[in-house]
Structure formats: C-alpha cells, structure tokens
Amino acid sequence: MHSGRLVLRVTDDGRTRTDPAPGGSGGFGLVGMAGAVDALGGHLEAGPAAEGGWRVQASLPLGRPSARSS
C-alpha cells in the first residue's frame, strides 16, 4: 500500500507460450481493466517491463469511493 492506495503489479518474463490458453481470451483485456480501474477512481499503467516481458500496474484508492465530478 502507498499512502491510502492499493497498488497491484503483475509482470511476466516475456517468454511465448507454445500452447493456446484454454477457452481463448474470453475477456476484454486491458480495455476492460482500464474501465474497471477508472470506475473505482484508480489509475492503470501497462507496457513493456524494463527487464523484458510485460508489466500491468493498477493503483486504487482505499476506502469508500467519493462522488466523482463530471
């Protein structure tokens, strides 16, 4: 946790799978994650990791969501 926020980071090593994921994608990927994180008042970053592979990081506020102005 960082100053009232929950930070979740997922990385991989960049090695390619030789077998397809069971059941295909079945999801909305980064677009769906970005929408969900935004709806919770958070921030999503995704891109190549410095060490190779890929990194996705979400930062979410802790506590009750506040009313958001539009």
Protein backbone atom coordinates (compact mmCIF):
# COMPACT_ATOMS: atom_id res chain seq x y z
CA MET A 1 0.00 0.00 0.00
CA HIS A 2 1.15 3.51 -0.79
CA SER A 3 -0.40 6.46 1.09
CA GLY A 4 -4.01 5.29 1.15
CA ARG A 5 -3.81 3.34 -2.11
CA LEU A 6 -3.61 -0.30 -3.03
CA VAL A 7 -1.04 -0.96 -5.78
CA LEU A 8 -1.28 -4.21 -7.71
CA ARG A 9 1.50 -5.11 -10.17
CA VAL A 10 1.56 -8.13 -12.50
CA THR A 11 4.57 -8.97 -14.65
CA ASP A 12 5.68 -11.75 -16.92
CA ASP A 13 9.06 -12.76 -18.31
CA GLY A 14 8.14 -12.28 -21.96
CA ARG A 15 8.51 -15.91 -22.97
CA THR A 16 5.94 -17.04 -25.51
CA ARG A 17 3.54 -19.85 -24.69
CA THR A 18 3.51 -22.68 -27.18
CA ASP A 19 0.02 -23.86 -26.26
CA PRO A 20 -3.07 -21.63 -26.52
CA ALA A 21 -4.82 -20.51 -23.36
CA PRO A 22 -7.77 -22.80 -22.53
CA GLY A 23 -11.04 -21.34 -23.79
CA GLY A 24 -9.41 -18.46 -25.65
CA SER A 25 -9.31 -14.93 -24.31
CA GLY A 26 -12.95 -14.67 -23.22
CA GLY A 27 -12.39 -11.21 -21.77
CA PHE A 28 -11.91 -7.55 -22.53
CA GLY A 29 -8.18 -7.37 -21.78
CA LEU A 30 -6.55 -4.07 -20.98
CA VAL A 31 -9.56 -2.05 -22.16
CA GLY A 32 -11.79 -3.81 -19.63
CA MET A 33 -9.20 -3.46 -16.86
CA ALA A 34 -8.76 0.26 -17.59
CA GLY A 35 -12.52 0.83 -17.43
CA ALA A 36 -12.88 -1.04 -14.14
CA VAL A 37 -9.92 0.74 -12.55
CA ASP A 38 -11.21 4.14 -13.74
CA ALA A 39 -14.69 3.39 -12.34
CA LEU A 40 -13.05 2.85 -8.94
CA GLY A 41 -11.13 6.12 -9.15
CA GLY A 42 -7.81 4.45 -9.87
CA HIS A 43 -5.05 4.53 -12.45
CA LEU A 44 -3.81 1.74 -14.77
CA GLU A 45 -0.43 1.53 -16.48
CA ALA A 46 0.63 -1.20 -18.91
CA GLY A 47 3.64 -1.67 -21.11
CA PRO A 48 6.98 -3.36 -21.58
CA ALA A 49 8.90 -4.05 -18.37
CA ALA A 50 12.45 -2.72 -18.08
CA GLU A 51 13.74 -6.27 -17.53
CA GLY A 52 11.86 -7.61 -20.55
CA GLY A 53 8.38 -9.04 -20.65
CA TRP A 54 5.29 -7.05 -19.79
CA ARG A 55 4.01 -5.14 -16.74
CA VAL A 56 0.49 -4.11 -15.75
CA GLN A 57 0.03 -1.96 -12.64
CA ALA A 58 -3.19 -0.71 -11.07
CA SER A 59 -3.34 1.86 -8.28
CA LEU A 60 -6.67 2.01 -6.44
CA PRO A 61 -7.82 4.29 -3.62
CA LEU A 62 -8.62 2.58 -0.33
CA GLY A 63 -11.88 3.24 1.46
CA ARG A 64 -15.26 4.24 0.15
CA PRO A 65 -15.38 5.78 -3.31
CA SER A 66 -16.10 9.51 -3.26
CA ALA A 67 -18.57 11.18 -5.58
CA ARG A 68 -16.79 11.97 -8.83
CA SER A 69 -17.48 15.19 -10.66
CA SER A 70 -18.05 15.02 -14.42
